[in-house]
Amino acid sequence: MQKITPFLWFNDNAEEAVKFYTSIFKDSKIGSMARYDDEAAKVSGRPKGSLMTASFQLNGQEFIALNGGPQFQFTEAISFVINCENQDEVDYYWKKLTAQGGQESVCGWLKDKFGVSWQVVPTILSKLLADKDAGKSQRVMHAMLKMKKIDISALEKASKG
């Protein structure tokens, strides 16, 4: 068991979210699911038999989802970074996570249809931004700031001037 596990609070669609995420990420699986029984349903106001919590893994990373009600919403203050090795990976995750009502943002950020924020980032980005040549890194930063989905070839072109 990992020491720290992200815990995601959904209103009433945690089960849908878990199935959505595990369909996108490789090496993913749904673990245990606990449902509201009579007593828990009375205390929480959630329907008896509906999903309370579900454990799941995405690329081996453990998560827990809860149907807790509308009291709390996701914000960009917390996001998950997907480190991508190439443009095909960037394109794949961007397309899947913005599908069905997801929202594109800037600099590789997006919100999925559940409101969870993700950063779809090519691993080369940090190398380009950390270049010892300040001019190269500034051009890369300037190019990235104009992007929604990150375009690796455009970043490399900016780096070269």
Protein backbone atom coordinates (compact mmCIF):
# COMPACT_ATOMS: atom_id res chain seq x y z
CA MET A 1 0.00 0.00 0.00
CA GLN A 2 1.33 3.44 -0.90
CA LYS A 3 1.73 5.94 1.94
CA ILE A 4 -0.25 8.77 0.32
CA THR A 5 -3.39 8.16 -1.72
CA PRO A 6 -5.34 10.92 -3.51
CA PHE A 7 -8.96 10.96 -2.32
CA LEU A 8 -11.46 12.47 -4.76
CA TRP A 9 -14.82 13.76 -3.53
CA PHE A 10 -17.60 13.57 -6.11
CA ASN A 11 -21.22 14.61 -5.70
CA ASP A 12 -22.92 11.44 -6.98
CA ASN A 13 -20.95 10.27 -10.04
CA ALA A 14 -17.84 8.65 -8.53
CA GLU A 15 -18.62 5.27 -10.07
CA GLU A 16 -18.91 6.80 -13.55
CA ALA A 17 -15.65 8.71 -12.97
CA VAL A 18 -13.76 5.60 -11.85
CA LYS A 19 -14.91 3.69 -14.94
CA PHE A 20 -14.00 6.66 -17.17
CA TYR A 21 -10.48 7.03 -15.75
CA THR A 22 -9.69 3.31 -15.75
CA SER A 23 -10.75 3.13 -19.41
CA ILE A 24 -8.18 5.81 -20.34
CA PHE A 25 -5.04 4.89 -18.43
CA LYS A 26 -3.01 1.73 -19.03
CA ASP A 27 -2.19 -0.53 -16.09
CA SER A 28 -5.42 0.55 -14.41
CA LYS A 29 -7.99 -1.34 -12.44
CA ILE A 30 -10.95 -0.90 -10.15
CA GLY A 31 -10.44 -2.27 -6.66
CA SER A 32 -12.94 -2.49 -3.85
CA MET A 33 -16.30 -0.75 -3.84
CA ALA A 34 -18.34 0.05 -0.75
CA ARG A 35 -22.00 0.97 -1.03
CA TYR A 36 -24.25 2.94 1.31
CA ASP A 37 -26.21 0.59 3.57
CA ASP A 38 -29.36 1.57 5.51
CA GLU A 39 -27.53 3.28 8.36
CA ALA A 40 -24.97 5.10 6.22
CA ALA A 41 -27.71 6.22 3.81
CA LYS A 42 -29.72 7.73 6.69
CA VAL A 43 -26.71 9.62 8.08
CA SER A 44 -25.39 10.84 4.74
CA GLY A 45 -28.63 11.38 2.85
CA ARG A 46 -27.22 9.30 -0.01
CA PRO A 47 -29.41 6.61 -1.61
CA LYS A 48 -29.14 3.12 -0.14
CA GLY A 49 -27.10 0.88 -2.45
CA SER A 50 -25.37 3.77 -4.20
CA LEU A 51 -21.59 3.85 -4.31
CA MET A 52 -19.96 5.29 -1.20
CA THR A 53 -16.27 4.72 -2.00
CA ALA A 54 -14.23 2.97 -4.66
CA SER A 55 -10.54 2.28 -4.77
CA PHE A 56 -8.85 2.26 -8.17
CA GLN A 57 -5.45 2.49 -9.80
CA LEU A 58 -4.29 4.53 -12.78
CA ASN A 59 -0.89 3.46 -14.12
CA GLY A 60 -0.30 1.79 -10.77
CA GLN A 61 -1.12 4.96 -8.74
CA GLU A 62 -3.81 4.32 -6.13
CA PHE A 63 -6.82 6.61 -5.75
CA ILE A 64 -10.04 6.56 -3.76
CA ALA A 65 -13.29 8.10 -4.99
CA LEU A 66 -16.21 9.07 -2.72
CA ASN A 67 -19.78 10.03 -3.50
CA GLY A 68 -20.06 12.60 -0.75
CA GLY A 69 -22.57 15.11 -2.03
CA PRO A 70 -22.41 18.63 -3.47
CA GLN A 71 -20.68 20.35 -0.54
CA PHE A 72 -17.22 20.38 -2.17
CA GLN A 73 -16.17 20.99 -5.77
CA PHE A 74 -12.90 20.39 -7.59
CA THR A 75 -10.70 23.39 -8.37
CA GLU A 76 -7.45 23.97 -10.23
CA ALA A 77 -5.73 24.28 -6.85
CA ILE A 78 -5.20 20.51 -7.13
CA SER A 79 -4.30 18.85 -10.42
CA PHE A 80 -2.76 15.63 -11.68
CA VAL A 81 0.24 15.78 -14.00
CA ILE A 82 0.52 13.22 -16.78
CA ASN A 83 4.14 13.03 -17.94
CA CYS A 84 4.09 12.13 -21.63
CA GLU A 85 7.06 10.78 -23.58
CA ASN A 86 5.91 11.98 -27.02
CA GLN A 87 3.26 13.91 -28.93
CA ASP A 88 1.14 10.81 -29.48
CA GLU A 89 0.75 10.42 -25.71
CA VAL A 90 -0.03 14.13 -25.29
CA ASP A 91 -2.67 13.92 -28.02
CA TYR A 92 -4.17 10.70 -26.61
CA TYR A 93 -4.63 11.95 -23.04
CA TRP A 94 -5.76 15.40 -24.20
CA LYS A 95 -8.44 13.93 -26.46
CA LYS A 96 -9.69 11.40 -23.90
CA LEU A 97 -9.80 13.77 -20.93
CA THR A 98 -11.46 16.66 -22.80
CA ALA A 99 -14.09 14.36 -24.33
CA GLN A 100 -17.75 14.55 -23.36
CA GLY A 101 -17.69 18.02 -21.86
CA GLY A 102 -14.10 18.44 -20.68
CA GLN A 103 -12.62 21.92 -20.96
CA GLU A 104 -9.30 22.96 -22.47
CA SER A 105 -7.29 25.54 -20.59
CA VAL A 106 -3.79 26.90 -21.25
CA CYS A 107 -0.25 25.57 -21.01
CA GLY A 108 -1.28 21.92 -21.07
CA TRP A 109 -4.01 22.24 -18.42
CA LEU A 110 -7.53 20.91 -18.81
CA LYS A 111 -10.56 19.95 -16.76
CA ASP A 112 -12.28 16.66 -17.46
CA LYS A 113 -16.06 16.28 -17.54
CA PHE A 114 -16.09 15.77 -13.75
CA GLY A 115 -14.20 19.01 -13.08
CA VAL A 116 -10.89 17.34 -12.14
CA SER A 117 -7.86 19.30 -13.37
CA TRP A 118 -5.05 17.62 -15.29
CA GLN A 119 -1.76 18.79 -16.73
CA VAL A 120 -0.82 16.88 -19.89
CA VAL A 121 2.89 17.61 -20.13
CA PRO A 122 5.61 16.24 -22.40
CA THR A 123 8.72 15.28 -20.42
CA ILE A 124 10.88 17.30 -22.81
CA LEU A 125 9.21 20.52 -21.64
CA SER A 126 11.15 20.70 -18.37
CA LYS A 127 14.42 20.05 -20.23
CA LEU A 128 13.69 22.83 -22.73
CA LEU A 129 12.67 25.27 -19.99
CA ALA A 130 15.83 24.48 -17.99
CA ASP A 131 18.21 25.08 -20.91
CA LYS A 132 21.37 26.91 -19.85
CA ASP A 133 20.85 29.28 -22.77
CA ALA A 134 18.37 31.78 -21.30
CA GLY A 135 17.26 32.86 -24.77
CA LYS A 136 16.22 29.31 -25.67
CA SER A 137 14.30 28.77 -22.46
CA GLN A 138 12.56 32.14 -22.78
CA ARG A 139 11.47 31.35 -26.35
CA VAL A 140 10.12 27.99 -25.19
CA MET A 141 8.20 29.63 -22.32
CA HIS A 142 6.80 32.28 -24.67
CA ALA A 143 5.66 29.59 -27.13
CA MET A 144 4.10 27.46 -24.37
CA LEU A 145 2.13 30.39 -22.98
CA LYS A 146 0.29 30.65 -26.32
CA MET A 147 -0.72 26.98 -26.31
CA LYS A 148 -3.63 25.05 -24.91
CA LYS A 149 -2.52 21.49 -25.72
CA ILE A 150 1.29 21.35 -25.75
CA ASP A 151 2.87 20.95 -29.19
CA ILE A 152 6.33 19.43 -28.83
CA SER A 153 7.52 20.31 -32.33
CA ALA A 154 6.53 23.97 -31.80
CA LEU A 155 8.46 24.00 -28.51
CA GLU A 156 11.54 22.51 -30.18
CA LYS A 157 11.24 25.03 -33.01
CA ALA A 158 11.02 27.88 -30.50
CA SER A 159 14.09 26.54 -28.70
CA LYS A 160 16.10 26.61 -31.91
CA GLY A 161 14.96 30.14 -32.67
